[in-house]
Amino acid sequence: RPAVEAGEKLGYLPGDMKDKVDPYM
């Protein structure tokens, strides 16, 4: 999936890269 921010900034999510993108997946 494209990890496109829909109104929220991805960088502000806690954790490492996997933790940041897993909610999108």
PDB file of all heavy atoms in Angstrom:
ATOM      1  N   ARG A   1       0.856  -1.195   0.000  1.00  0.00           N
ATOM      2  CA  ARG A   1       0.000   0.000   0.000  1.00  0.00           C
ATOM      3  C   ARG A   1       0.889   1.241   0.000  1.00  0.00           C
ATOM      4  O   ARG A   1       1.954   1.214   0.606  1.00  0.00           O
ATOM      5  CB  ARG A   1      -0.850   0.059   1.271  1.00  0.00           C
ATOM      6  CG  ARG A   1      -2.165  -0.654   1.233  1.00  0.00           C
ATOM      7  CD  ARG A   1      -2.917  -0.413   2.517  1.00  0.00           C
ATOM      8  NE  ARG A   1      -4.345  -0.544   2.340  1.00  0.00           N
ATOM      9  CZ  ARG A   1      -5.262  -0.030   3.153  1.00  0.00           C
ATOM     10  NH1 ARG A   1      -4.883   0.649   4.224  1.00  0.00           N
ATOM     11  NH2 ARG A   1      -6.538  -0.188   2.923  1.00  0.00           N
ATOM     12  N   PRO A   2       0.449   2.326  -0.624  1.00  0.00           N
ATOM     13  CA  PRO A   2       1.174   3.588  -0.423  1.00  0.00           C
ATOM     14  C   PRO A   2       0.945   4.079   1.010  1.00  0.00           C
ATOM     15  O   PRO A   2      -0.190   4.085   1.480  1.00  0.00           O
ATOM     16  CB  PRO A   2       0.528   4.538  -1.435  1.00  0.00           C
ATOM     17  CG  PRO A   2      -0.305   3.675  -2.338  1.00  0.00           C
ATOM     18  CD  PRO A   2      -0.676   2.469  -1.547  1.00  0.00           C
ATOM     19  N   ALA A   3       2.000   4.443   1.694  1.00  0.00           N
ATOM     20  CA  ALA A   3       1.865   4.969   3.061  1.00  0.00           C
ATOM     21  C   ALA A   3       1.637   6.474   2.975  1.00  0.00           C
ATOM     22  O   ALA A   3       2.505   7.288   3.311  1.00  0.00           O
ATOM     23  CB  ALA A   3       3.104   4.655   3.881  1.00  0.00           C
ATOM     24  N   VAL A   4       0.461   6.842   2.500  1.00  0.00           N
ATOM     25  CA  VAL A   4       0.122   8.252   2.304  1.00  0.00           C
ATOM     26  C   VAL A   4      -0.589   8.770   3.537  1.00  0.00           C
ATOM     27  O   VAL A   4      -1.511   8.128   4.058  1.00  0.00           O
ATOM     28  CB  VAL A   4      -0.771   8.439   1.056  1.00  0.00           C
ATOM     29  CG1 VAL A   4      -1.251   9.869   0.942  1.00  0.00           C
ATOM     30  CG2 VAL A   4      -0.001   8.043  -0.195  1.00  0.00           C
ATOM     31  N   GLU A   5      -0.161   9.935   3.997  1.00  0.00           N
ATOM     32  CA  GLU A   5      -0.757  10.535   5.192  1.00  0.00           C
ATOM     33  C   GLU A   5      -2.098  11.158   4.834  1.00  0.00           C
ATOM     34  O   GLU A   5      -2.169  12.025   3.972  1.00  0.00           O
ATOM     35  CB  GLU A   5       0.184  11.591   5.768  1.00  0.00           C
ATOM     36  CG  GLU A   5       1.530  11.010   6.187  1.00  0.00           C
ATOM     37  CD  GLU A   5       2.599  12.070   6.371  1.00  0.00           C
ATOM     38  OE1 GLU A   5       2.297  13.245   6.108  1.00  0.00           O
ATOM     39  OE2 GLU A   5       3.715  11.719   6.760  1.00  0.00           O
ATOM     40  N   ALA A   6      -3.149  10.681   5.468  1.00  0.00           N
ATOM     41  CA  ALA A   6      -4.504  11.195   5.211  1.00  0.00           C
ATOM     42  C   ALA A   6      -4.920  12.089   6.378  1.00  0.00           C
ATOM     43  O   ALA A   6      -5.745  11.733   7.204  1.00  0.00           O
ATOM     44  CB  ALA A   6      -5.483  10.046   5.038  1.00  0.00           C
ATOM     45  N   GLY A   7      -4.292  13.261   6.465  1.00  0.00           N
ATOM     46  CA  GLY A   7      -4.654  14.206   7.508  1.00  0.00           C
ATOM     47  C   GLY A   7      -3.809  14.108   8.761  1.00  0.00           C
ATOM     48  O   GLY A   7      -3.926  14.941   9.646  1.00  0.00           O
ATOM     49  N   GLU A   8      -2.959  13.078   8.873  1.00  0.00           N
ATOM     50  CA  GLU A   8      -2.092  12.948  10.032  1.00  0.00           C
ATOM     51  C   GLU A   8      -0.669  12.724   9.554  1.00  0.00           C
ATOM     52  O   GLU A   8      -0.433  12.118   8.519  1.00  0.00           O
ATOM     53  CB  GLU A   8      -2.536  11.776  10.918  1.00  0.00           C
ATOM     54  CG  GLU A   8      -3.916  11.958  11.505  1.00  0.00           C
ATOM     55  CD  GLU A   8      -4.271  10.834  12.466  1.00  0.00           C
ATOM     56  OE1 GLU A   8      -3.371  10.331  13.147  1.00  0.00           O
ATOM     57  OE2 GLU A   8      -5.451  10.473  12.515  1.00  0.00           O
ATOM     58  N   LYS A   9       0.297  13.215  10.326  1.00  0.00           N
ATOM     59  CA  LYS A   9       1.694  13.111   9.948  1.00  0.00           C
ATOM     60  C   LYS A   9       2.283  11.794  10.417  1.00  0.00           C
ATOM     61  O   LYS A   9       2.262  11.474  11.594  1.00  0.00           O
ATOM     62  CB  LYS A   9       2.485  14.286  10.543  1.00  0.00           C
ATOM     63  CG  LYS A   9       2.039  15.654  10.010  1.00  0.00           C
ATOM     64  CD  LYS A   9       2.272  15.753   8.514  1.00  0.00           C
ATOM     65  CE  LYS A   9       1.872  17.127   7.971  1.00  0.00           C
ATOM     66  NZ  LYS A   9       2.016  17.214   6.514  1.00  0.00           N
ATOM     67  N   LEU A  10       2.847  11.059   9.458  1.00  0.00           N
ATOM     68  CA  LEU A  10       3.416   9.757   9.751  1.00  0.00           C
ATOM     69  C   LEU A  10       4.563   9.856  10.750  1.00  0.00           C
ATOM     70  O   LEU A  10       4.727   9.009  11.624  1.00  0.00           O
ATOM     71  CB  LEU A  10       3.901   9.120   8.439  1.00  0.00           C
ATOM     72  CG  LEU A  10       4.398   7.684   8.466  1.00  0.00           C
ATOM     73  CD1 LEU A  10       3.280   6.764   8.907  1.00  0.00           C
ATOM     74  CD2 LEU A  10       4.916   7.277   7.100  1.00  0.00           C
ATOM     75  N   GLY A  11       5.372  10.888  10.637  1.00  0.00           N
ATOM     76  CA  GLY A  11       6.556  11.017  11.484  1.00  0.00           C
ATOM     77  C   GLY A  11       6.249  11.164  12.952  1.00  0.00           C
ATOM     78  O   GLY A  11       7.107  10.884  13.805  1.00  0.00           O
ATOM     79  N   TYR A  12       5.058  11.595  13.292  1.00  0.00           N
ATOM     80  CA  TYR A  12       4.705  11.789  14.699  1.00  0.00           C
ATOM     81  C   TYR A  12       4.243  10.513  15.374  1.00  0.00           C
ATOM     82  O   TYR A  12       4.053  10.492  16.586  1.00  0.00           O
ATOM     83  CB  TYR A  12       3.607  12.855  14.826  1.00  0.00           C
ATOM     84  CG  TYR A  12       4.130  14.249  14.550  1.00  0.00           C
ATOM     85  CD1 TYR A  12       3.860  14.882  13.346  1.00  0.00           C
ATOM     86  CD2 TYR A  12       4.910  14.909  15.502  1.00  0.00           C
ATOM     87  CE1 TYR A  12       4.349  16.148  13.085  1.00  0.00           C
ATOM     88  CE2 TYR A  12       5.397  16.188  15.244  1.00  0.00           C
ATOM     89  CZ  TYR A  12       5.110  16.801  14.034  1.00  0.00           C
ATOM     90  OH  TYR A  12       5.597  18.054  13.783  1.00  0.00           O
ATOM     91  N   LEU A  13       4.030   9.440  14.599  1.00  0.00           N
ATOM     92  CA  LEU A  13       3.633   8.178  15.206  1.00  0.00           C
ATOM     93  C   LEU A  13       4.801   7.595  15.984  1.00  0.00           C
ATOM     94  O   LEU A  13       5.961   7.711  15.578  1.00  0.00           O
ATOM     95  CB  LEU A  13       3.181   7.187  14.128  1.00  0.00           C
ATOM     96  CG  LEU A  13       1.891   7.536  13.384  1.00  0.00           C
ATOM     97  CD1 LEU A  13       1.670   6.555  12.236  1.00  0.00           C
ATOM     98  CD2 LEU A  13       0.702   7.515  14.325  1.00  0.00           C
ATOM     99  N   PRO A  14       4.535   6.938  17.113  1.00  0.00           N
ATOM    100  CA  PRO A  14       5.626   6.388  17.929  1.00  0.00           C
ATOM    101  C   PRO A  14       6.246   5.154  17.291  1.00  0.00           C
ATOM    102  O   PRO A  14       5.645   4.497  16.441  1.00  0.00           O
ATOM    103  CB  PRO A  14       4.917   6.021  19.243  1.00  0.00           C
ATOM    104  CG  PRO A  14       3.503   5.745  18.846  1.00  0.00           C
ATOM    105  CD  PRO A  14       3.220   6.692  17.712  1.00  0.00           C
ATOM    106  N   GLY A  15       7.473   4.807  17.722  1.00  0.00           N
ATOM    107  CA  GLY A  15       8.119   3.561  17.319  1.00  0.00           C
ATOM    108  C   GLY A  15       9.041   3.712  16.135  1.00  0.00           C
ATOM    109  O   GLY A  15       9.284   4.804  15.615  1.00  0.00           O
ATOM    110  N   ASP A  16       9.582   2.537  15.692  1.00  0.00           N
ATOM    111  CA  ASP A  16      10.479   2.518  14.544  1.00  0.00           C
ATOM    112  C   ASP A  16       9.666   2.544  13.252  1.00  0.00           C
ATOM    113  O   ASP A  16       8.439   2.690  13.276  1.00  0.00           O
ATOM    114  CB  ASP A  16      11.397   1.296  14.602  1.00  0.00           C
ATOM    115  CG  ASP A  16      10.621  -0.022  14.632  1.00  0.00           C
ATOM    116  OD1 ASP A  16       9.417  -0.022  14.274  1.00  0.00           O
ATOM    117  OD2 ASP A  16      11.214  -1.046  15.014  1.00  0.00           O
ATOM    118  N   MET A  17      10.348   2.371  12.110  1.00  0.00           N
ATOM    119  CA  MET A  17       9.665   2.485  10.829  1.00  0.00           C
ATOM    120  C   MET A  17       8.533   1.468  10.695  1.00  0.00           C
ATOM    121  O   MET A  17       7.445   1.773  10.208  1.00  0.00           O
ATOM    122  CB  MET A  17      10.672   2.314   9.682  1.00  0.00           C
ATOM    123  CG  MET A  17      10.056   2.409   8.294  1.00  0.00           C
ATOM    124  SD  MET A  17       9.128   3.949   8.015  1.00  0.00           S
ATOM    125  CE  MET A  17      10.479   5.119   7.973  1.00  0.00           C
ATOM    126  N   LYS A  18       8.773   0.215  11.137  1.00  0.00           N
ATOM    127  CA  LYS A  18       7.728  -0.809  11.052  1.00  0.00           C
ATOM    128  C   LYS A  18       6.511  -0.402  11.867  1.00  0.00           C
ATOM    129  O   LYS A  18       5.371  -0.553  11.433  1.00  0.00           O
ATOM    130  CB  LYS A  18       8.255  -2.158  11.532  1.00  0.00           C
ATOM    131  CG  LYS A  18       7.238  -3.300  11.404  1.00  0.00           C
ATOM    132  CD  LYS A  18       7.827  -4.610  11.839  1.00  0.00           C
ATOM    133  CE  LYS A  18       6.843  -5.765  11.592  1.00  0.00           C
ATOM    134  NZ  LYS A  18       5.559  -5.581  12.286  1.00  0.00           N
ATOM    135  N   ASP A  19       6.758   0.119  13.092  1.00  0.00           N
ATOM    136  CA  ASP A  19       5.650   0.559  13.940  1.00  0.00           C
ATOM    137  C   ASP A  19       4.875   1.691  13.281  1.00  0.00           C
ATOM    138  O   ASP A  19       3.650   1.796  13.427  1.00  0.00           O
ATOM    139  CB  ASP A  19       6.173   1.021  15.299  1.00  0.00           C
ATOM    140  CG  ASP A  19       6.788  -0.117  16.093  1.00  0.00           C
ATOM    141  OD1 ASP A  19       6.312  -1.250  15.937  1.00  0.00           O
ATOM    142  OD2 ASP A  19       7.741   0.127  16.859  1.00  0.00           O
ATOM    143  N   LYS A  20       5.570   2.553  12.542  1.00  0.00           N
ATOM    144  CA  LYS A  20       4.913   3.701  11.918  1.00  0.00           C
ATOM    145  C   LYS A  20       4.035   3.296  10.730  1.00  0.00           C
ATOM    146  O   LYS A  20       2.970   3.871  10.522  1.00  0.00           O
ATOM    147  CB  LYS A  20       5.972   4.719  11.450  1.00  0.00           C
ATOM    148  CG  LYS A  20       6.713   5.433  12.569  1.00  0.00           C
ATOM    149  CD  LYS A  20       7.774   6.347  11.981  1.00  0.00           C
ATOM    150  CE  LYS A  20       8.669   6.937  13.059  1.00  0.00           C
ATOM    151  NZ  LYS A  20       7.957   7.912  13.905  1.00  0.00           N
ATOM    152  N   VAL A  21       4.496   2.307   9.961  1.00  0.00           N
ATOM    153  CA  VAL A  21       3.748   1.966   8.745  1.00  0.00           C
ATOM    154  C   VAL A  21       2.735   0.851   8.959  1.00  0.00           C
ATOM    155  O   VAL A  21       1.798   0.711   8.171  1.00  0.00           O
ATOM    156  CB  VAL A  21       4.710   1.577   7.590  1.00  0.00           C
ATOM    157  CG1 VAL A  21       5.641   2.723   7.267  1.00  0.00           C
ATOM    158  CG2 VAL A  21       5.476   0.310   7.914  1.00  0.00           C
ATOM    159  N   ASP A  22       2.890   0.051  10.027  1.00  0.00           N
ATOM    160  CA  ASP A  22       1.974  -1.075  10.239  1.00  0.00           C
ATOM    161  C   ASP A  22       0.499  -0.670  10.304  1.00  0.00           C
ATOM    162  O   ASP A  22      -0.360  -1.392   9.797  1.00  0.00           O
ATOM    163  CB  ASP A  22       2.367  -1.857  11.498  1.00  0.00           C
ATOM    164  CG  ASP A  22       3.262  -3.051  11.161  1.00  0.00           C
ATOM    165  OD1 ASP A  22       3.568  -3.235   9.967  1.00  0.00           O
ATOM    166  OD2 ASP A  22       3.651  -3.790  12.079  1.00  0.00           O
ATOM    167  N   PRO A  23       0.163   0.484  10.945  1.00  0.00           N
ATOM    168  CA  PRO A  23      -1.259   0.865  10.946  1.00  0.00           C
ATOM    169  C   PRO A  23      -1.835   1.035   9.539  1.00  0.00           C
ATOM    170  O   PRO A  23      -3.006   0.756   9.304  1.00  0.00           O
ATOM    171  CB  PRO A  23      -1.265   2.202  11.701  1.00  0.00           C
ATOM    172  CG  PRO A  23      -0.067   2.117  12.597  1.00  0.00           C
ATOM    173  CD  PRO A  23       0.960   1.375  11.801  1.00  0.00           C
ATOM    174  N   TYR A  24      -1.008   1.473   8.590  1.00  0.00           N
ATOM    175  CA  TYR A  24      -1.472   1.622   7.212  1.00  0.00           C
ATOM    176  C   TYR A  24      -1.702   0.262   6.556  1.00  0.00           C
ATOM    177  O   TYR A  24      -2.491   0.129   5.625  1.00  0.00           O
ATOM    178  CB  TYR A  24      -0.436   2.415   6.390  1.00  0.00           C
ATOM    179  CG  TYR A  24      -0.359   3.869   6.756  1.00  0.00           C
ATOM    180  CD1 TYR A  24       0.437   4.300   7.805  1.00  0.00           C
ATOM    181  CD2 TYR A  24      -1.086   4.826   6.055  1.00  0.00           C
ATOM    182  CE1 TYR A  24       0.521   5.637   8.152  1.00  0.00           C
ATOM    183  CE2 TYR A  24      -1.019   6.166   6.388  1.00  0.00           C
ATOM    184  CZ  TYR A  24      -0.218   6.562   7.438  1.00  0.00           C
ATOM    185  OH  TYR A  24      -0.147   7.887   7.791  1.00  0.00           O
ATOM    186  N   MET A  25      -0.987  -0.753   7.020  1.00  0.00           N
ATOM    187  CA  MET A  25      -1.063  -2.090   6.435  1.00  0.00           C
ATOM    188  C   MET A  25      -2.100  -2.982   7.116  1.00  0.00           C
ATOM    189  O   MET A  25      -2.350  -4.094   6.662  1.00  0.00           O
ATOM    190  CB  MET A  25       0.307  -2.780   6.529  1.00  0.00           C
ATOM    191  CG  MET A  25       1.470  -1.993   5.943  1.00  0.00           C
ATOM    192  SD  MET A  25       1.291  -1.775   4.158  1.00  0.00           S
ATOM    193  CE  MET A  25       1.440   0.014   4.043  1.00  0.00           C
TER     194      MET A  25
END
